[in-house]
Amino acid sequence: MAFGEKVYWDNRMAFVLAAIGSAIGLGNIWRFPYICYKYGGGAFLVAYIIALIIAGLPLLILEFSLGQKIGGSAPTSIGKVSKKFAWLGWMAIIVGFFITTYYAVIMSWAANYLVHSLSLAWGDDPRTFFYTNVLGLSDGIFKIGSPRIPLLIGLVVVWAWIILSIWKGAKTVSKVVYVTVTLPWLILLILVIGGLTLPGAFKGIAYYLTPNWSALLNPELWQAAFTQVFFSLSVGFGVMIAYASFLPPKSDIVNNAFIIGLSDAATAFVGGFAVFSALGYYAQIQGVSVAEVMKSGPELAFVTYPAIINHLPLGPLVGVLFFVMLLTLAIDSAFSLVEAVVAGVMETFGTNRTKTNIAVGILAFLIGIIYTTTAGLYWLDVVDYYMSYFALFAVAFLEAVLVGWLFDTEKLRRQINETSLVHIGRWWVISVRIIVPLAALVLLVLTIGGRIKSAYGGYPRTAELIAGWIPILFAIVLGVLLGKSTAKMLQKE
């Protein structure tokens, strides 16, 4: 899309699939089941649904309205609300950009494991294989070492895939998402059905869903619920604003938001059945409890699940299906974050899409090299924490306050209802003005309080500064500088 040329989605289905693809990612498969288990099983599901309804969906509707009703990428849309706050739109997409730099490296891990699955190369000791053979993990965050060549090659392939997926913006994405959204769901259903037939599977499912209602009194449960909702819906990154800007003027915003939000939640919930049925089976053959084999994040996907695959019939096939699912889940989230950056740069500076795509991809690839080194996992962990908690909550808080209190939210609500089959009431205004900013602010305060007490993950304070606070400060400063350019562009219109 050249500057000034307006491109729309091929149809509504293309937009819905693209937005669902952005929302659904690795966290639906490896983070949601773990925190559901950790914070009360069925009790966490209740908190998650409440957070989705009172904060997640209202914020998603807000971002869709910014992109479609007000028009443009995150910097442009927020700049039209208030030119003084165009920097906030830039901060959102810069945060998303930082996330993409390491998200692509996790995809490189999965790409390598897709190849390893063919021969079950991890053998009888998947843990040593992952940390030593694949990552070559050093014993400290400052013992960086050199890049791991297979991971570097995987990163090149992943970035080529990401850039080709958004080569012509909405036109290309409209075609890609039919495969990258439907295929992982098909594989997920196969894994769920297959998992439920395994011995011990229902012990794992019971462990996943058994409610601990007293956990609802734990503030950490609510923090985890709101965190999962905000991050999983891709709100606060400028992605949904950019995607909505490619919608025709009279598109139904409310229905789209509900379809996308509920699809994301359903994927996370169903993903839990695939994970816990396999964990129940693995616990039974190991003669231990499910709690002893339950792991979070990378270890679940790259250590525990490969260990399970070793014991399954047609293990290599299951391995291929699992890592293809991870890759196709991740790609939509990755290229949506990049598209948000590209759209912002093109609208503000009038650059050519092809050159902008390539420039953003090369820059992200170069930054991502640090995560392919022998200390890469440590740096990834710290950057992910600070981007996902501090930066995301700050953007959500400021975005809701800006639109809720400095813009005619009631007028925006009426405009949304004019083109939506299902109308939103004044509850939406209350949520945008009060509930969302309050939830984001509380999350920020809790997180900051925790970091004052102790360094995240026991890392040196210096590492926190370099990988956490400095990137956030950089996002703010660069956002302010770029926001001035966006404001000047808007003044000329």
Protein backbone atom coordinates (compact mmCIF):
# COMPACT_ATOMS: atom_id res chain seq x y z
CA MET A 1 0.00 0.00 0.00
CA ALA A 2 1.60 3.25 -1.08
CA PHE A 3 1.13 6.34 1.09
CA GLY A 4 -2.30 7.87 0.69
CA GLU A 5 -3.79 4.72 -0.84
CA LYS A 6 -6.57 3.15 1.21
CA VAL A 7 -6.75 -0.64 1.29
CA TYR A 8 -9.59 -2.56 2.95
CA TRP A 9 -9.91 -6.18 4.03
CA ASP A 10 -11.14 -8.51 1.27
CA ASN A 11 -14.22 -9.19 3.42
CA ARG A 12 -15.39 -9.26 7.01
CA MET A 13 -14.24 -12.85 7.50
CA ALA A 14 -10.68 -11.87 6.58
CA PHE A 15 -10.67 -9.14 9.25
CA VAL A 16 -12.17 -11.41 11.90
CA LEU A 17 -9.66 -14.17 11.18
CA ALA A 18 -6.74 -11.71 11.18
CA ALA A 19 -7.81 -10.21 14.51
CA ILE A 20 -8.41 -13.67 16.00
CA GLY A 21 -4.98 -14.71 14.75
CA SER A 22 -3.38 -11.70 16.41
CA ALA A 23 -5.16 -12.40 19.70
CA ILE A 24 -4.51 -16.14 19.71
CA GLY A 25 -0.87 -17.00 20.25
CA LEU A 26 1.57 -19.11 22.20
CA GLY A 27 0.13 -17.86 25.50
CA ASN A 28 -3.17 -19.60 24.78
CA ILE A 29 -1.44 -22.97 24.75
CA TRP A 30 1.30 -22.72 27.33
CA ARG A 31 0.45 -19.79 29.64
CA PHE A 32 -3.32 -19.98 30.12
CA PRO A 33 -3.47 -23.66 31.22
CA TYR A 34 -0.60 -23.14 33.66
CA ILE A 35 -2.03 -20.07 35.40
CA CYS A 36 -5.46 -21.70 35.44
CA TYR A 37 -3.91 -24.62 37.32
CA LYS A 38 -1.84 -22.31 39.54
CA TYR A 39 -4.71 -20.03 40.57
CA GLY A 40 -7.59 -22.26 41.49
CA GLY A 41 -8.58 -24.12 38.31
CA GLY A 42 -12.27 -23.42 37.71
CA ALA A 43 -12.07 -20.43 40.08
CA PHE A 44 -9.55 -18.76 37.77
CA LEU A 45 -11.87 -19.36 34.81
CA VAL A 46 -14.55 -17.35 36.63
CA ALA A 47 -12.13 -14.47 37.27
CA TYR A 48 -10.90 -14.63 33.69
CA ILE A 49 -14.43 -14.39 32.26
CA ILE A 50 -15.24 -11.46 34.55
CA ALA A 51 -12.04 -9.64 33.50
CA LEU A 52 -12.84 -10.35 29.85
CA ILE A 53 -16.35 -8.91 30.13
CA ILE A 54 -15.69 -5.80 32.25
CA ALA A 55 -12.29 -4.79 30.83
CA GLY A 56 -11.06 -6.88 27.89
CA LEU A 57 -14.02 -6.59 25.54
CA PRO A 58 -14.65 -2.88 26.30
CA LEU A 59 -11.00 -2.09 25.54
CA LEU A 60 -11.16 -4.15 22.35
CA ILE A 61 -14.28 -2.24 21.25
CA LEU A 62 -12.46 1.01 22.08
CA GLU A 63 -9.46 0.10 19.91
CA PHE A 64 -11.68 -1.01 17.03
CA SER A 65 -13.55 2.30 17.21
CA LEU A 66 -10.30 4.28 17.27
CA GLY A 67 -9.11 2.56 14.12
CA GLN A 68 -12.38 2.39 12.20
CA LYS A 69 -14.39 5.42 13.35
CA ILE A 70 -11.53 7.85 13.92
CA GLY A 71 -9.25 6.27 11.32
CA GLY A 72 -5.63 5.23 10.90
CA SER A 73 -2.79 3.51 12.69
CA ALA A 74 -2.37 3.88 16.47
CA PRO A 75 -0.35 7.15 16.29
CA THR A 76 -2.76 8.65 13.75
CA SER A 77 -5.94 7.58 15.53
CA ILE A 78 -4.80 8.70 18.98
CA GLY A 79 -3.34 11.86 17.42
CA LYS A 80 -6.78 12.70 16.03
CA VAL A 81 -8.19 12.42 19.55
CA SER A 82 -5.44 14.73 20.83
CA LYS A 83 -2.32 15.72 18.90
CA LYS A 84 -0.48 16.02 22.21
CA PHE A 85 -0.95 12.28 22.77
CA ALA A 86 0.14 10.94 19.36
CA TRP A 87 3.26 9.73 21.20
CA LEU A 88 1.10 7.21 23.09
CA GLY A 89 0.22 5.48 19.82
CA TRP A 90 3.90 5.28 19.00
CA MET A 91 4.76 3.93 22.43
CA ALA A 92 2.17 1.17 21.95
CA ILE A 93 3.61 -0.02 18.64
CA ILE A 94 7.23 0.31 19.84
CA VAL A 95 6.38 -1.96 22.78
CA GLY A 96 4.82 -4.40 20.31
CA PHE A 97 7.96 -4.16 18.18
CA PHE A 98 10.19 -5.10 21.13
CA ILE A 99 7.94 -8.09 21.83
CA THR A 100 8.21 -9.24 18.21
CA THR A 101 12.02 -9.26 18.39
CA TYR A 102 11.98 -12.08 20.94
CA TYR A 103 8.69 -13.68 19.89
CA ALA A 104 10.32 -14.48 16.53
CA VAL A 105 13.15 -16.24 18.38
CA ILE A 106 10.65 -18.49 20.20
CA MET A 107 9.26 -19.28 16.75
CA SER A 108 12.81 -20.19 15.71
CA TRP A 109 12.94 -22.65 18.61
CA ALA A 110 9.68 -24.19 17.37
CA ALA A 111 10.98 -24.32 13.78
CA ASN A 112 14.08 -26.18 14.96
CA TYR A 113 11.95 -28.56 17.00
CA LEU A 114 9.76 -29.20 13.97
CA VAL A 115 12.86 -30.65 12.30
CA HIS A 116 13.96 -32.46 15.48
CA SER A 117 10.50 -34.09 15.72
CA LEU A 118 11.14 -36.14 12.61
CA SER A 119 13.75 -38.20 14.46
CA LEU A 120 12.76 -37.42 18.07
CA ALA A 121 16.25 -35.97 18.36
CA TRP A 122 15.77 -34.96 21.99
CA GLY A 123 16.05 -38.61 23.03
CA ASP A 124 15.42 -39.71 26.62
CA ASP A 125 16.56 -36.43 28.17
CA PRO A 126 14.55 -33.57 26.60
CA ARG A 127 15.60 -31.13 29.33
CA THR A 128 19.32 -31.45 28.63
CA PHE A 129 18.63 -31.37 24.90
CA PHE A 130 16.71 -28.09 25.15
CA TYR A 131 18.95 -26.20 27.54
CA THR A 132 22.31 -27.58 26.36
CA ASN A 133 22.01 -28.80 22.77
CA VAL A 134 19.51 -26.21 21.50
CA LEU A 135 20.06 -23.11 23.65
CA GLY A 136 23.59 -23.83 24.88
CA LEU A 137 22.46 -21.94 27.96
CA SER A 138 25.21 -20.21 29.91
CA ASP A 139 25.21 -19.87 33.70
CA GLY A 140 24.52 -16.12 33.82
CA ILE A 141 22.76 -13.32 31.98
CA PHE A 142 25.99 -11.45 31.34
CA LYS A 143 27.77 -14.54 29.96
CA ILE A 144 26.36 -13.88 26.53
CA GLY A 145 28.54 -16.03 24.30
CA SER A 146 27.91 -16.37 20.58
CA PRO A 147 24.69 -16.92 18.62
CA ARG A 148 23.54 -20.50 18.13
CA ILE A 149 23.69 -21.06 14.37
CA PRO A 150 20.57 -23.27 14.04
CA LEU A 151 18.55 -20.65 15.97
CA LEU A 152 19.98 -17.89 13.79
CA ILE A 153 19.02 -19.78 10.64
CA GLY A 154 15.55 -20.36 12.07
CA LEU A 155 15.26 -16.65 12.85
CA VAL A 156 16.06 -15.73 9.22
CA VAL A 157 13.35 -18.12 8.00
CA VAL A 158 10.82 -16.78 10.51
CA TRP A 159 11.43 -13.14 9.55
CA ALA A 160 11.13 -13.95 5.86
CA TRP A 161 7.77 -15.58 6.65
CA ILE A 162 6.59 -12.60 8.72
CA ILE A 163 7.51 -9.99 6.09
CA LEU A 164 6.01 -11.97 3.21
CA SER A 165 2.77 -12.31 5.21
CA ILE A 166 2.30 -8.51 5.30
CA TRP A 167 3.95 -7.78 1.94
CA LYS A 168 0.88 -5.94 0.64
CA GLY A 169 -0.73 -5.21 3.97
CA ALA A 170 -4.37 -6.19 4.38
CA LYS A 171 -4.48 -7.74 0.91
CA THR A 172 -1.79 -10.31 1.75
CA VAL A 173 -2.92 -10.87 5.33
CA SER A 174 -6.49 -11.49 4.09
CA LYS A 175 -5.23 -14.55 2.22
CA VAL A 176 -2.65 -15.81 4.75
CA VAL A 177 -5.01 -15.96 7.74
CA TYR A 178 -7.32 -18.50 6.12
CA VAL A 179 -4.51 -21.04 6.62
CA THR A 180 -2.69 -19.73 9.70
CA VAL A 181 -5.86 -19.40 11.81
CA THR A 182 -7.84 -22.45 10.72
CA LEU A 183 -4.92 -24.93 10.59
CA PRO A 184 -3.84 -24.60 14.26
CA TRP A 185 -7.45 -24.99 15.39
CA LEU A 186 -7.76 -28.18 13.33
CA ILE A 187 -4.51 -29.54 14.83
CA LEU A 188 -5.61 -28.47 18.32
CA LEU A 189 -8.83 -30.46 17.97
CA ILE A 190 -6.85 -33.50 16.80
CA LEU A 191 -4.56 -33.21 19.84
CA VAL A 192 -7.52 -32.79 22.20
CA ILE A 193 -9.37 -35.83 20.82
CA GLY A 194 -6.20 -37.91 20.79
CA GLY A 195 -5.22 -36.72 24.26
CA LEU A 196 -8.57 -37.64 25.81
CA THR A 197 -8.11 -41.26 24.69
CA LEU A 198 -4.84 -41.63 26.64
CA PRO A 199 -4.70 -43.53 29.97
CA GLY A 200 -4.75 -41.06 32.86
CA ALA A 201 -5.98 -38.21 30.68
CA PHE A 202 -9.01 -37.44 32.83
CA LYS A 203 -6.87 -37.13 35.95
CA GLY A 204 -5.10 -34.31 34.15
CA ILE A 205 -8.40 -32.71 33.08
CA ALA A 206 -9.71 -32.94 36.66
CA TYR A 207 -6.55 -31.22 37.89
CA TYR A 208 -7.09 -28.49 35.27
CA LEU A 209 -10.72 -27.74 36.09
CA THR A 210 -11.24 -28.57 39.78
CA PRO A 211 -12.15 -25.23 41.39
CA ASN A 212 -10.52 -23.84 44.48
CA TRP A 213 -13.04 -21.12 45.30
CA SER A 214 -10.98 -19.68 48.13
CA ALA A 215 -8.44 -18.62 45.50
CA LEU A 216 -10.88 -15.88 44.42
CA LEU A 217 -9.84 -14.03 47.59
CA ASN A 218 -6.23 -13.98 46.38
CA PRO A 219 -5.32 -10.63 44.71
CA GLU A 220 -2.70 -12.45 42.62
CA LEU A 221 -5.45 -14.46 40.93
CA TRP A 222 -7.17 -11.28 39.75
CA GLN A 223 -3.87 -9.78 38.67
CA ALA A 224 -3.19 -12.92 36.62
CA ALA A 225 -6.71 -12.85 35.12
CA PHE A 226 -6.53 -9.22 33.95
CA THR A 227 -2.96 -9.72 32.73
CA GLN A 228 -3.96 -12.73 30.64
CA VAL A 229 -6.95 -10.88 29.16
CA PHE A 230 -5.02 -7.73 28.23
CA PHE A 231 -2.05 -9.56 26.74
CA SER A 232 -4.02 -12.29 24.99
CA LEU A 233 -6.40 -9.89 23.22
CA SER A 234 -3.44 -7.91 21.80
CA VAL A 235 -4.86 -4.67 23.18
CA GLY A 236 -2.39 -1.93 24.05
CA PHE A 237 -0.02 -2.74 21.17
CA GLY A 238 -1.68 -0.68 18.44
CA VAL A 239 -2.43 -3.88 16.49
CA MET A 240 -6.22 -3.84 16.73
CA ILE A 241 -6.31 -0.12 15.95
CA ALA A 242 -4.30 -0.69 12.76
CA TYR A 243 -6.37 -3.71 11.73
CA ALA A 244 -9.64 -1.84 12.32
CA SER A 245 -8.41 1.05 10.16
CA PHE A 246 -8.69 -1.30 7.14
CA LEU A 247 -12.41 -1.86 7.84
CA PRO A 248 -15.03 -0.21 5.61
CA PRO A 249 -16.75 2.81 7.27
CA LYS A 250 -20.01 1.04 8.18
CA SER A 251 -18.55 -2.14 9.67
CA ASP A 252 -20.10 -3.77 12.74
CA ILE A 253 -17.63 -3.15 15.57
CA VAL A 254 -19.44 -4.71 18.54
CA ASN A 255 -20.16 -8.07 16.93
CA ASN A 256 -16.61 -8.29 15.63
CA ALA A 257 -15.22 -7.56 19.10
CA PHE A 258 -17.37 -10.22 20.77
CA ILE A 259 -16.56 -12.84 18.13
CA ILE A 260 -12.83 -12.19 18.42
CA GLY A 261 -12.72 -11.93 22.21
CA LEU A 262 -14.76 -15.09 22.77
CA SER A 263 -12.79 -17.00 20.12
CA ASP A 264 -9.57 -16.12 21.91
CA ALA A 265 -10.98 -17.28 25.25
CA ALA A 266 -12.33 -20.49 23.71
CA THR A 267 -8.94 -21.33 22.19
CA ALA A 268 -7.22 -20.89 25.55
CA PHE A 269 -9.84 -23.03 27.28
CA VAL A 270 -9.72 -25.83 24.70
CA GLY A 271 -5.93 -25.65 24.65
CA GLY A 272 -6.00 -26.57 28.32
CA PHE A 273 -7.65 -29.90 27.45
CA ALA A 274 -4.88 -30.72 24.96
CA VAL A 275 -2.18 -29.88 27.50
CA PHE A 276 -3.64 -31.44 30.64
CA SER A 277 -4.84 -34.65 29.01
CA ALA A 278 -1.25 -35.24 27.88
CA LEU A 279 0.10 -34.26 31.31
CA GLY A 280 -2.30 -36.67 33.01
CA TYR A 281 -1.05 -39.47 30.77
CA TYR A 282 2.59 -38.56 31.41
CA ALA A 283 2.03 -38.38 35.18
CA GLN A 284 0.48 -41.85 35.15
CA ILE A 285 3.32 -43.52 33.27
CA GLN A 286 5.85 -41.74 35.51
CA GLY A 287 3.95 -42.75 38.64
CA VAL A 288 3.80 -39.16 39.96
CA SER A 289 1.12 -36.49 40.47
CA VAL A 290 0.10 -34.06 37.73
CA ALA A 291 1.54 -31.21 39.80
CA GLU A 292 5.00 -32.76 39.50
CA VAL A 293 4.98 -32.71 35.68
CA MET A 294 3.20 -29.36 35.24
CA LYS A 295 5.59 -26.73 33.88
CA SER A 296 5.11 -23.22 32.58
CA GLY A 297 6.04 -21.51 29.35
CA PRO A 298 8.98 -22.75 27.29
CA GLU A 299 9.64 -25.77 29.50
CA LEU A 300 6.13 -27.09 28.94
CA ALA A 301 6.46 -26.86 25.14
CA PHE A 302 10.11 -27.78 24.70
CA VAL A 303 10.81 -30.18 27.57
CA THR A 304 7.66 -31.75 29.01
CA TYR A 305 5.71 -32.17 25.76
CA PRO A 306 8.66 -33.76 23.89
CA ALA A 307 9.02 -36.16 26.83
CA ILE A 308 5.33 -37.05 26.41
CA ILE A 309 5.74 -37.49 22.65
CA ASN A 310 8.43 -40.12 23.33
CA HIS A 311 5.72 -42.37 24.80
CA LEU A 312 3.00 -41.80 22.21
CA PRO A 313 2.19 -43.95 19.19
CA LEU A 314 3.29 -42.18 15.98
CA GLY A 315 5.47 -39.90 18.10
CA PRO A 316 7.19 -38.11 15.19
CA LEU A 317 3.82 -37.30 13.60
CA VAL A 318 2.47 -35.93 16.88
CA GLY A 319 5.64 -33.86 17.29
CA VAL A 320 5.31 -32.39 13.81
CA LEU A 321 1.64 -31.55 14.40
CA PHE A 322 2.39 -29.94 17.77
CA PHE A 323 5.17 -27.68 16.52
CA VAL A 324 3.32 -26.78 13.32
CA MET A 325 0.46 -25.73 15.60
CA LEU A 326 2.80 -23.56 17.69
CA LEU A 327 4.27 -21.92 14.58
CA THR A 328 0.92 -21.17 12.98
CA LEU A 329 -0.46 -19.86 16.27
CA ALA A 330 2.55 -17.57 16.64
CA ILE A 331 2.88 -16.21 13.10
CA ASP A 332 -0.37 -14.21 13.13
CA SER A 333 0.53 -12.51 16.40
CA ALA A 334 4.03 -11.77 15.10
CA PHE A 335 3.08 -10.22 11.78
CA SER A 336 0.21 -8.25 13.32
CA LEU A 337 2.67 -6.52 15.67
CA VAL A 338 4.93 -5.73 12.72
CA GLU A 339 2.01 -4.47 10.64
CA ALA A 340 1.14 -2.01 13.42
CA VAL A 341 4.66 -0.56 13.18
CA VAL A 342 4.66 -0.47 9.38
CA ALA A 343 1.26 1.24 9.24
CA GLY A 344 2.41 3.91 11.70
CA VAL A 345 5.62 4.64 9.79
CA MET A 346 3.87 4.77 6.42
CA GLU A 347 1.10 7.11 7.56
CA THR A 348 3.43 9.52 9.37
CA PHE A 349 6.34 9.62 6.94
CA GLY A 350 4.73 8.59 3.65
CA THR A 351 7.19 5.75 3.07
CA ASN A 352 6.84 2.92 0.58
CA ARG A 353 5.38 -0.30 2.02
CA THR A 354 7.97 -2.64 0.53
CA LYS A 355 10.92 -0.63 1.85
CA THR A 356 9.23 -0.14 5.23
CA ASN A 357 8.49 -3.87 5.58
CA ILE A 358 12.10 -4.79 4.83
CA ALA A 359 13.60 -2.07 7.06
CA VAL A 360 11.45 -3.02 10.06
CA GLY A 361 12.17 -6.72 9.52
CA ILE A 362 15.94 -6.23 9.29
CA LEU A 363 16.02 -4.03 12.40
CA ALA A 364 13.96 -6.52 14.41
CA PHE A 365 16.14 -9.41 13.20
CA LEU A 366 19.34 -7.63 14.27
CA ILE A 367 17.94 -6.92 17.74
CA GLY A 368 16.72 -10.51 17.99
CA ILE A 369 20.25 -11.91 17.59
CA ILE A 370 20.88 -11.28 21.31
CA TYR A 371 18.17 -13.86 22.11
CA THR A 372 19.90 -16.52 20.01
CA THR A 373 23.06 -16.35 22.12
CA THR A 374 23.88 -18.66 25.01
CA ALA A 375 22.39 -16.12 27.44
CA GLY A 376 19.43 -15.41 25.17
CA LEU A 377 16.81 -17.09 27.35
CA TYR A 378 17.71 -14.83 30.29
CA TRP A 379 17.46 -11.62 28.24
CA LEU A 380 14.21 -12.83 26.68
CA ASP A 381 12.75 -13.50 30.11
CA VAL A 382 13.52 -10.02 31.47
CA VAL A 383 12.41 -8.08 28.38
CA ASP A 384 9.20 -10.11 28.16
CA TYR A 385 8.33 -9.39 31.78
CA TYR A 386 8.83 -5.64 31.53
CA MET A 387 7.10 -5.26 28.17
CA SER A 388 4.15 -7.47 29.14
CA TYR A 389 3.52 -6.01 32.59
CA PHE A 390 4.84 -2.46 32.92
CA ALA A 391 4.63 -1.18 29.35
CA LEU A 392 1.36 -2.89 28.38
CA PHE A 393 -0.50 -1.77 31.50
CA ALA A 394 0.82 1.79 31.15
CA VAL A 395 -0.47 2.01 27.56
CA ALA A 396 -3.87 0.50 28.49
CA PHE A 397 -4.23 2.95 31.38
CA LEU A 398 -3.30 6.04 29.36
CA GLU A 399 -5.36 4.97 26.34
CA ALA A 400 -8.52 4.51 28.42
CA VAL A 401 -7.99 7.78 30.33
CA LEU A 402 -7.31 9.72 27.11
CA VAL A 403 -10.39 8.53 25.25
CA GLY A 404 -12.60 8.22 28.32
CA TRP A 405 -11.95 11.67 29.76
CA LEU A 406 -10.59 13.86 26.95
CA PHE A 407 -12.92 12.69 24.18
CA ASP A 408 -16.70 12.55 23.86
CA THR A 409 -17.06 8.87 24.73
CA GLU A 410 -20.84 9.03 24.69
CA LYS A 411 -20.76 10.37 21.11
CA LEU A 412 -18.35 7.60 20.14
CA ARG A 413 -20.71 5.03 21.70
CA ARG A 414 -23.60 6.32 19.57
CA GLN A 415 -21.44 6.15 16.43
CA ILE A 416 -20.51 2.56 17.23
CA ASN A 417 -24.16 1.61 17.75
CA GLU A 418 -25.19 3.15 14.42
CA THR A 419 -23.37 0.41 12.51
CA SER A 420 -23.57 -2.45 15.03
CA LEU A 421 -26.28 -5.08 15.20
CA VAL A 422 -25.81 -5.42 18.96
CA HIS A 423 -25.81 -2.05 20.75
CA ILE A 424 -23.59 -1.24 23.71
CA GLY A 425 -25.08 0.62 26.66
CA ARG A 426 -23.64 3.16 29.05
CA TRP A 427 -21.83 0.33 30.82
CA TRP A 428 -19.22 0.60 28.07
CA VAL A 429 -18.56 4.26 28.89
CA ILE A 430 -18.24 3.38 32.58
CA SER A 431 -15.82 0.59 31.76
CA VAL A 432 -13.63 2.77 29.54
CA ARG A 433 -13.61 5.70 31.96
CA ILE A 434 -13.31 3.85 35.25
CA ILE A 435 -12.91 0.06 35.20
CA VAL A 436 -10.18 -0.31 32.56
CA PRO A 437 -7.93 2.50 33.83
CA LEU A 438 -8.45 1.41 37.44
CA ALA A 439 -7.59 -2.22 36.62
CA ALA A 440 -4.50 -1.20 34.61
CA LEU A 441 -3.36 1.22 37.32
CA VAL A 442 -3.73 -1.38 40.09
CA LEU A 443 -1.76 -3.89 38.02
CA LEU A 444 0.98 -1.32 37.49
CA VAL A 445 1.18 -0.46 41.18
CA LEU A 446 1.28 -4.13 42.22
CA THR A 447 4.01 -4.89 39.69
CA ILE A 448 6.12 -1.87 40.66
CA GLY A 449 5.70 -2.75 44.33
CA GLY A 450 6.94 -6.26 43.67
CA ARG A 451 10.00 -5.00 41.82
CA ILE A 452 10.86 -2.54 44.59
CA LYS A 453 10.94 -5.44 47.06
CA SER A 454 13.11 -7.68 44.91
CA ALA A 455 14.64 -7.98 41.45
CA TYR A 456 12.61 -9.94 38.92
CA GLY A 457 13.61 -13.59 38.76
CA GLY A 458 16.63 -13.00 40.97
CA TYR A 459 18.46 -11.30 38.11
CA PRO A 460 21.05 -8.57 38.90
CA ARG A 461 19.56 -5.09 39.16
CA THR A 462 21.87 -4.04 36.33
CA ALA A 463 20.23 -6.59 34.02
CA GLU A 464 16.79 -5.27 35.01
CA LEU A 465 17.91 -1.77 34.12
CA ILE A 466 19.38 -2.74 30.74
CA ALA A 467 16.69 -5.17 29.59
CA GLY A 468 13.69 -3.69 31.41
CA TRP A 469 13.68 -0.03 32.34
CA ILE A 470 15.86 1.29 29.51
CA PRO A 471 13.70 -0.25 26.72
CA ILE A 472 10.59 1.24 28.36
CA LEU A 473 12.24 4.64 28.64
CA PHE A 474 13.39 4.31 25.03
CA ALA A 475 9.81 3.54 23.93
CA ILE A 476 8.56 6.67 25.69
CA VAL A 477 11.31 9.02 24.42
CA LEU A 478 11.19 7.72 20.83
CA GLY A 479 7.40 7.79 21.01
CA VAL A 480 7.45 11.48 21.99
CA LEU A 481 9.83 12.33 19.14
CA LEU A 482 7.83 10.42 16.55
CA GLY A 483 4.58 11.76 17.99
CA LYS A 484 5.69 15.28 17.04
CA SER A 485 6.06 14.14 13.43
CA THR A 486 2.59 12.58 13.49
CA ALA A 487 1.11 15.78 14.95
CA LYS A 488 2.71 17.84 12.14
CA MET A 489 1.35 15.41 9.56
CA LEU A 490 -2.15 15.72 11.02
CA GLN A 491 -1.95 19.53 10.99
CA LYS A 492 -1.38 19.44 7.22
CA GLU A 493 -4.53 17.43 6.59
